[in-house]
PDB file of all heavy atoms in Angstrom:
ATOM      1  N   GLY A   1       0.806  -1.223  -0.041  1.00  0.00           N
ATOM      2  CA  GLY A   1      -0.011   0.012   0.065  1.00  0.00           C
ATOM      3  C   GLY A   1       0.765   1.282   0.006  1.00  0.00           C
ATOM      4  O   GLY A   1       0.203   2.409   0.080  1.00  0.00           O
ATOM      5  N   LYS A   2       2.139   1.146  -0.113  1.00  0.00           N
ATOM      6  CA  LYS A   2       2.923   2.356  -0.075  1.00  0.00           C
ATOM      7  C   LYS A   2       3.844   2.398  -1.327  1.00  0.00           C
ATOM      8  O   LYS A   2       4.021   1.443  -2.040  1.00  0.00           O
ATOM      9  CB  LYS A   2       3.796   2.393   1.145  1.00  0.00           C
ATOM     10  CG  LYS A   2       3.112   2.507   2.528  1.00  0.00           C
ATOM     11  CD  LYS A   2       4.081   2.713   3.614  1.00  0.00           C
ATOM     12  CE  LYS A   2       3.353   2.919   4.896  1.00  0.00           C
ATOM     13  NZ  LYS A   2       4.306   3.093   6.051  1.00  0.00           N
ATOM     14  N   GLU A   3       4.361   3.596  -1.556  1.00  0.00           N
ATOM     15  CA  GLU A   3       5.252   3.802  -2.755  1.00  0.00           C
ATOM     16  C   GLU A   3       6.671   3.319  -2.319  1.00  0.00           C
ATOM     17  O   GLU A   3       7.002   3.188  -1.201  1.00  0.00           O
ATOM     18  CB  GLU A   3       5.343   5.293  -3.095  1.00  0.00           C
ATOM     19  CG  GLU A   3       4.030   5.838  -3.605  1.00  0.00           C
ATOM     20  CD  GLU A   3       4.127   7.315  -4.062  1.00  0.00           C
ATOM     21  OE1 GLU A   3       5.226   7.911  -3.781  1.00  0.00           O
ATOM     22  OE2 GLU A   3       3.199   7.786  -4.680  1.00  0.00           O
ATOM     23  N   ARG A   4       7.398   3.033  -3.393  1.00  0.00           N
ATOM     24  CA  ARG A   4       8.771   2.592  -3.215  1.00  0.00           C
ATOM     25  C   ARG A   4       9.559   3.786  -2.667  1.00  0.00           C
ATOM     26  O   ARG A   4       9.563   4.840  -3.213  1.00  0.00           O
ATOM     27  CB  ARG A   4       9.350   2.076  -4.544  1.00  0.00           C
ATOM     28  CG  ARG A   4      10.703   1.357  -4.463  1.00  0.00           C
ATOM     29  CD  ARG A   4      11.080   0.697  -5.756  1.00  0.00           C
ATOM     30  NE  ARG A   4      10.045  -0.206  -6.224  1.00  0.00           N
ATOM     31  CZ  ARG A   4      10.179  -0.894  -7.382  1.00  0.00           C
ATOM     32  NH1 ARG A   4      11.263  -0.790  -8.096  1.00  0.00           N
ATOM     33  NH2 ARG A   4       9.179  -1.725  -7.722  1.00  0.00           N
ATOM     34  N   GLU A   5      10.377   3.484  -1.633  1.00  0.00           N
ATOM     35  CA  GLU A   5      11.161   4.578  -0.973  1.00  0.00           C
ATOM     36  C   GLU A   5      12.609   4.189  -0.865  1.00  0.00           C
ATOM     37  O   GLU A   5      13.018   3.074  -0.765  1.00  0.00           O
ATOM     38  CB  GLU A   5      10.548   4.818   0.392  1.00  0.00           C
ATOM     39  CG  GLU A   5      10.734   3.716   1.376  1.00  0.00           C
ATOM     40  CD  GLU A   5      10.230   3.966   2.760  1.00  0.00           C
ATOM     41  OE1 GLU A   5       9.869   5.181   3.004  1.00  0.00           O
ATOM     42  OE2 GLU A   5      10.166   3.042   3.629  1.00  0.00           O
ATOM     43  N   PHE A   6      13.404   5.224  -0.882  1.00  0.00           N
ATOM     44  CA  PHE A   6      14.854   5.080  -0.721  1.00  0.00           C
ATOM     45  C   PHE A   6      15.230   4.608   0.696  1.00  0.00           C
ATOM     46  O   PHE A   6      14.636   5.056   1.698  1.00  0.00           O
ATOM     47  CB  PHE A   6      15.507   6.473  -0.921  1.00  0.00           C
ATOM     48  CG  PHE A   6      16.997   6.452  -0.694  1.00  0.00           C
ATOM     49  CD1 PHE A   6      17.897   6.088  -1.652  1.00  0.00           C
ATOM     50  CD2 PHE A   6      17.543   6.844   0.543  1.00  0.00           C
ATOM     51  CE1 PHE A   6      19.248   6.155  -1.491  1.00  0.00           C
ATOM     52  CE2 PHE A   6      18.849   6.913   0.712  1.00  0.00           C
ATOM     53  CZ  PHE A   6      19.792   6.542  -0.285  1.00  0.00           C
ATOM     54  N   VAL A   7      16.156   3.671   0.748  1.00  0.00           N
ATOM     55  CA  VAL A   7      16.594   3.071   2.044  1.00  0.00           C
ATOM     56  C   VAL A   7      18.009   3.369   2.291  1.00  0.00           C
ATOM     57  O   VAL A   7      18.331   3.912   3.326  1.00  0.00           O
ATOM     58  CB  VAL A   7      16.386   1.559   2.000  1.00  0.00           C
ATOM     59  CG1 VAL A   7      16.970   0.973   3.308  1.00  0.00           C
ATOM     60  CG2 VAL A   7      14.964   1.191   1.916  1.00  0.00           C
ATOM     61  N   ALA A   8      18.844   3.161   1.344  1.00  0.00           N
ATOM     62  CA  ALA A   8      20.348   3.391   1.426  1.00  0.00           C
ATOM     63  C   ALA A   8      21.008   3.508   0.067  1.00  0.00           C
ATOM     64  O   ALA A   8      20.538   3.003  -0.877  1.00  0.00           O
ATOM     65  CB  ALA A   8      21.023   2.206   2.335  1.00  0.00           C
ATOM     66  N   GLY A   9      22.107   4.197   0.086  1.00  0.00           N
ATOM     67  CA  GLY A   9      22.929   4.327  -1.128  1.00  0.00           C
ATOM     68  C   GLY A   9      24.346   4.343  -0.853  1.00  0.00           C
ATOM     69  O   GLY A   9      24.802   4.702   0.244  1.00  0.00           O
ATOM     70  N   ILE A  10      25.123   3.915  -1.871  1.00  0.00           N
ATOM     71  CA  ILE A  10      26.607   3.915  -1.727  1.00  0.00           C
ATOM     72  C   ILE A  10      27.209   4.400  -3.074  1.00  0.00           C
ATOM     73  O   ILE A  10      26.734   3.991  -4.110  1.00  0.00           O
ATOM     74  CB  ILE A  10      27.143   2.542  -1.282  1.00  0.00           C
ATOM     75  CG1 ILE A  10      28.621   2.581  -0.968  1.00  0.00           C
ATOM     76  CG2 ILE A  10      26.733   1.472  -2.254  1.00  0.00           C
ATOM     77  CD1 ILE A  10      29.129   1.314  -0.278  1.00  0.00           C
ATOM     78  N   THR A  11      28.197   5.266  -3.013  1.00  0.00           N
ATOM     79  CA  THR A  11      28.884   5.744  -4.130  1.00  0.00           C
ATOM     80  C   THR A  11      29.752   4.674  -4.822  1.00  0.00           C
ATOM     81  O   THR A  11      30.011   3.644  -4.218  1.00  0.00           O
ATOM     82  CB  THR A  11      29.769   6.981  -3.786  1.00  0.00           C
ATOM     83  OG1 THR A  11      30.770   6.586  -2.783  1.00  0.00           O
ATOM     84  CG2 THR A  11      28.878   8.095  -3.233  1.00  0.00           C
ATOM     85  N   TRP A  12      30.219   4.973  -5.973  1.00  0.00           N
ATOM     86  CA  TRP A  12      31.001   4.010  -6.758  1.00  0.00           C
ATOM     87  C   TRP A  12      32.327   3.658  -5.918  1.00  0.00           C
ATOM     88  O   TRP A  12      32.674   2.512  -5.879  1.00  0.00           O
ATOM     89  CB  TRP A  12      31.445   4.654  -8.061  1.00  0.00           C
ATOM     90  CG  TRP A  12      32.516   3.907  -8.776  1.00  0.00           C
ATOM     91  CD1 TRP A  12      33.826   4.356  -9.031  1.00  0.00           C
ATOM     92  CD2 TRP A  12      32.444   2.595  -9.443  1.00  0.00           C
ATOM     93  NE1 TRP A  12      34.570   3.392  -9.752  1.00  0.00           N
ATOM     94  CE2 TRP A  12      33.757   2.286 -10.011  1.00  0.00           C
ATOM     95  CE3 TRP A  12      31.450   1.613  -9.542  1.00  0.00           C
ATOM     96  CZ2 TRP A  12      33.978   1.156 -10.616  1.00  0.00           C
ATOM     97  CZ3 TRP A  12      31.759   0.488 -10.188  1.00  0.00           C
ATOM     98  CH2 TRP A  12      32.970   0.190 -10.710  1.00  0.00           C
ATOM     99  N   GLY A  13      32.935   4.637  -5.313  1.00  0.00           N
ATOM    100  CA  GLY A  13      34.150   4.342  -4.525  1.00  0.00           C
ATOM    101  C   GLY A  13      33.838   3.742  -3.101  1.00  0.00           C
ATOM    102  O   GLY A  13      34.746   3.191  -2.499  1.00  0.00           O
ATOM    103  N   GLY A  14      32.545   3.675  -2.743  1.00  0.00           N
ATOM    104  CA  GLY A  14      32.221   3.036  -1.516  1.00  0.00           C
ATOM    105  C   GLY A  14      32.535   3.800  -0.263  1.00  0.00           C
ATOM    106  O   GLY A  14      32.260   3.261   0.846  1.00  0.00           O
ATOM    107  N   LEU A  15      33.064   4.956  -0.329  1.00  0.00           N
ATOM    108  CA  LEU A  15      33.406   5.792   0.827  1.00  0.00           C
ATOM    109  C   LEU A  15      32.266   6.577   1.354  1.00  0.00           C
ATOM    110  O   LEU A  15      32.252   6.920   2.643  1.00  0.00           O
ATOM    111  CB  LEU A  15      34.569   6.694   0.592  1.00  0.00           C
ATOM    112  CG  LEU A  15      35.847   5.948   0.166  1.00  0.00           C
ATOM    113  CD1 LEU A  15      36.972   6.950  -0.146  1.00  0.00           C
ATOM    114  CD2 LEU A  15      36.277   5.000   1.183  1.00  0.00           C
ATOM    115  N   ALA A  16      31.321   6.975   0.595  1.00  0.00           N
ATOM    116  CA  ALA A  16      30.187   7.752   0.997  1.00  0.00           C
ATOM    117  C   ALA A  16      28.931   6.962   0.980  1.00  0.00           C
ATOM    118  O   ALA A  16      28.580   6.241  -0.003  1.00  0.00           O
ATOM    119  CB  ALA A  16      29.982   9.006   0.074  1.00  0.00           C
ATOM    120  N   ARG A  17      28.171   6.935   2.068  1.00  0.00           N
ATOM    121  CA  ARG A  17      27.006   6.150   2.302  1.00  0.00           C
ATOM    122  C   ARG A  17      25.911   6.996   2.832  1.00  0.00           C
ATOM    123  O   ARG A  17      26.135   7.946   3.551  1.00  0.00           O
ATOM    124  CB  ARG A  17      27.318   4.955   3.266  1.00  0.00           C
ATOM    125  CG  ARG A  17      28.544   4.213   2.938  1.00  0.00           C
ATOM    126  CD  ARG A  17      28.800   3.094   3.846  1.00  0.00           C
ATOM    127  NE  ARG A  17      30.148   2.467   3.601  1.00  0.00           N
ATOM    128  CZ  ARG A  17      30.472   1.276   3.906  1.00  0.00           C
ATOM    129  NH1 ARG A  17      29.634   0.426   4.473  1.00  0.00           N
ATOM    130  NH2 ARG A  17      31.717   0.804   3.616  1.00  0.00           N
ATOM    131  N   TYR A  18      24.736   6.689   2.415  1.00  0.00           N
ATOM    132  CA  TYR A  18      23.513   7.478   2.728  1.00  0.00           C
ATOM    133  C   TYR A  18      22.441   6.576   3.175  1.00  0.00           C
ATOM    134  O   TYR A  18      22.140   5.520   2.637  1.00  0.00           O
ATOM    135  CB  TYR A  18      23.102   8.376   1.561  1.00  0.00           C
ATOM    136  CG  TYR A  18      24.205   9.220   1.005  1.00  0.00           C
ATOM    137  CD1 TYR A  18      25.108   8.759   0.067  1.00  0.00           C
ATOM    138  CD2 TYR A  18      24.438  10.540   1.504  1.00  0.00           C
ATOM    139  CE1 TYR A  18      26.133   9.541  -0.415  1.00  0.00           C
ATOM    140  CE2 TYR A  18      25.475  11.280   1.047  1.00  0.00           C
ATOM    141  CZ  TYR A  18      26.332  10.816   0.080  1.00  0.00           C
ATOM    142  OH  TYR A  18      27.328  11.583  -0.420  1.00  0.00           O
ATOM    143  N   TYR A  19      21.619   7.072   4.171  1.00  0.00           N
ATOM    144  CA  TYR A  19      20.581   6.255   4.733  1.00  0.00           C
ATOM    145  C   TYR A  19      19.314   7.094   4.911  1.00  0.00           C
ATOM    146  O   TYR A  19      19.378   8.235   5.261  1.00  0.00           O
ATOM    147  CB  TYR A  19      20.943   5.649   6.064  1.00  0.00           C
ATOM    148  CG  TYR A  19      22.201   4.739   5.945  1.00  0.00           C
ATOM    149  CD1 TYR A  19      23.477   5.273   6.245  1.00  0.00           C
ATOM    150  CD2 TYR A  19      22.052   3.394   5.586  1.00  0.00           C
ATOM    151  CE1 TYR A  19      24.623   4.438   6.163  1.00  0.00           C
ATOM    152  CE2 TYR A  19      23.171   2.593   5.547  1.00  0.00           C
ATOM    153  CZ  TYR A  19      24.467   3.149   5.745  1.00  0.00           C
ATOM    154  OH  TYR A  19      25.556   2.251   5.708  1.00  0.00           O
ATOM    155  N   ALA A  20      18.181   6.481   4.784  1.00  0.00           N
ATOM    156  CA  ALA A  20      16.953   7.078   5.205  1.00  0.00           C
ATOM    157  C   ALA A  20      16.868   7.182   6.685  1.00  0.00           C
ATOM    158  O   ALA A  20      17.456   6.360   7.442  1.00  0.00           O
ATOM    159  CB  ALA A  20      15.765   6.199   4.723  1.00  0.00           C
ATOM    160  N   ASP A  21      16.244   8.226   7.163  1.00  0.00           N
ATOM    161  CA  ASP A  21      16.185   8.441   8.628  1.00  0.00           C
ATOM    162  C   ASP A  21      15.599   7.231   9.370  1.00  0.00           C
ATOM    163  O   ASP A  21      16.051   6.953  10.449  1.00  0.00           O
ATOM    164  CB  ASP A  21      15.306   9.664   8.924  1.00  0.00           C
ATOM    165  CG  ASP A  21      15.974  10.986   8.540  1.00  0.00           C
ATOM    166  OD1 ASP A  21      17.263  10.926   8.293  1.00  0.00           O
ATOM    167  OD2 ASP A  21      15.362  12.017   8.342  1.00  0.00           O
ATOM    168  N   SER A  22      14.704   6.474   8.755  1.00  0.00           N
ATOM    169  CA  SER A  22      13.961   5.414   9.390  1.00  0.00           C
ATOM    170  C   SER A  22      14.920   4.239   9.621  1.00  0.00           C
ATOM    171  O   SER A  22      14.628   3.391  10.446  1.00  0.00           O
ATOM    172  CB  SER A  22      12.806   4.998   8.488  1.00  0.00           C
ATOM    173  OG  SER A  22      13.250   4.600   7.216  1.00  0.00           O
ATOM    174  N   VAL A  23      16.059   4.126   8.859  1.00  0.00           N
ATOM    175  CA  VAL A  23      16.959   2.984   9.084  1.00  0.00           C
ATOM    176  C   VAL A  23      18.318   3.377   9.525  1.00  0.00           C
ATOM    177  O   VAL A  23      19.146   2.476   9.833  1.00  0.00           O
ATOM    178  CB  VAL A  23      17.007   2.172   7.746  1.00  0.00           C
ATOM    179  CG1 VAL A  23      15.716   1.759   7.204  1.00  0.00           C
ATOM    180  CG2 VAL A  23      17.828   2.950   6.670  1.00  0.00           C
ATOM    181  N   ASN A  24      18.628   4.638   9.649  1.00  0.00           N
ATOM    182  CA  ASN A  24      19.937   5.147  10.036  1.00  0.00           C
ATOM    183  C   ASN A  24      20.312   4.597  11.318  1.00  0.00           C
ATOM    184  O   ASN A  24      19.525   4.684  12.363  1.00  0.00           O
ATOM    185  CB  ASN A  24      19.939   6.659   9.991  1.00  0.00           C
ATOM    186  CG  ASN A  24      21.371   7.192  10.091  1.00  0.00           C
ATOM    187  OD1 ASN A  24      22.285   6.624   9.517  1.00  0.00           O
ATOM    188  ND2 ASN A  24      21.548   8.306  10.818  1.00  0.00           N
ATOM    189  N   GLY A  25      21.495   4.018  11.412  1.00  0.00           N
ATOM    190  CA  GLY A  25      22.024   3.457  12.713  1.00  0.00           C
ATOM    191  C   GLY A  25      21.654   2.019  12.794  1.00  0.00           C
ATOM    192  O   GLY A  25      22.284   1.327  13.693  1.00  0.00           O
ATOM    193  N   ARG A  26      20.812   1.460  12.007  1.00  0.00           N
ATOM    194  CA  ARG A  26      20.365   0.067  12.055  1.00  0.00           C
ATOM    195  C   ARG A  26      20.875  -0.765  10.768  1.00  0.00           C
ATOM    196  O   ARG A  26      21.193  -1.935  10.927  1.00  0.00           O
ATOM    197  CB  ARG A  26      18.945  -0.076  12.168  1.00  0.00           C
ATOM    198  CG  ARG A  26      18.288   0.487  13.468  1.00  0.00           C
ATOM    199  CD  ARG A  26      16.840   0.178  13.644  1.00  0.00           C
ATOM    200  NE  ARG A  26      16.022   0.678  12.639  1.00  0.00           N
ATOM    201  CZ  ARG A  26      15.349  -0.032  11.754  1.00  0.00           C
ATOM    202  NH1 ARG A  26      15.316  -1.322  11.828  1.00  0.00           N
ATOM    203  NH2 ARG A  26      14.560   0.564  10.820  1.00  0.00           N
ATOM    204  N   PHE A  27      20.901  -0.002   9.638  1.00  0.00           N
ATOM    205  CA  PHE A  27      21.218  -0.670   8.419  1.00  0.00           C
ATOM    206  C   PHE A  27      22.655  -0.198   7.988  1.00  0.00           C
ATOM    207  O   PHE A  27      23.027   0.991   8.207  1.00  0.00           O
ATOM    208  CB  PHE A  27      20.295  -0.357   7.270  1.00  0.00           C
ATOM    209  CG  PHE A  27      18.937  -0.909   7.443  1.00  0.00           C
ATOM    210  CD1 PHE A  27      18.490  -1.597   8.594  1.00  0.00           C
ATOM    211  CD2 PHE A  27      18.017  -0.900   6.393  1.00  0.00           C
ATOM    212  CE1 PHE A  27      17.311  -2.194   8.721  1.00  0.00           C
ATOM    213  CE2 PHE A  27      16.747  -1.451   6.497  1.00  0.00           C
ATOM    214  CZ  PHE A  27      16.375  -2.096   7.665  1.00  0.00           C
ATOM    215  N   THR A  28      23.378  -1.072   7.291  1.00  0.00           N
ATOM    216  CA  THR A  28      24.689  -0.676   6.784  1.00  0.00           C
ATOM    217  C   THR A  28      24.796  -1.139   5.306  1.00  0.00           C
ATOM    218  O   THR A  28      24.593  -2.407   5.072  1.00  0.00           O
ATOM    219  CB  THR A  28      25.854  -1.312   7.559  1.00  0.00           C
ATOM    220  OG1 THR A  28      25.702  -0.880   8.900  1.00  0.00           O
ATOM    221  CG2 THR A  28      27.212  -0.908   7.027  1.00  0.00           C
TER     222      THR A  28
END
């Protein structure tokens, strides 16, 4: 019942990582 949402992302080099607020601190 919900739209697809961003969870996490990682750059080509792997040094920069981004997380949705809902999973930050729990997902890697």
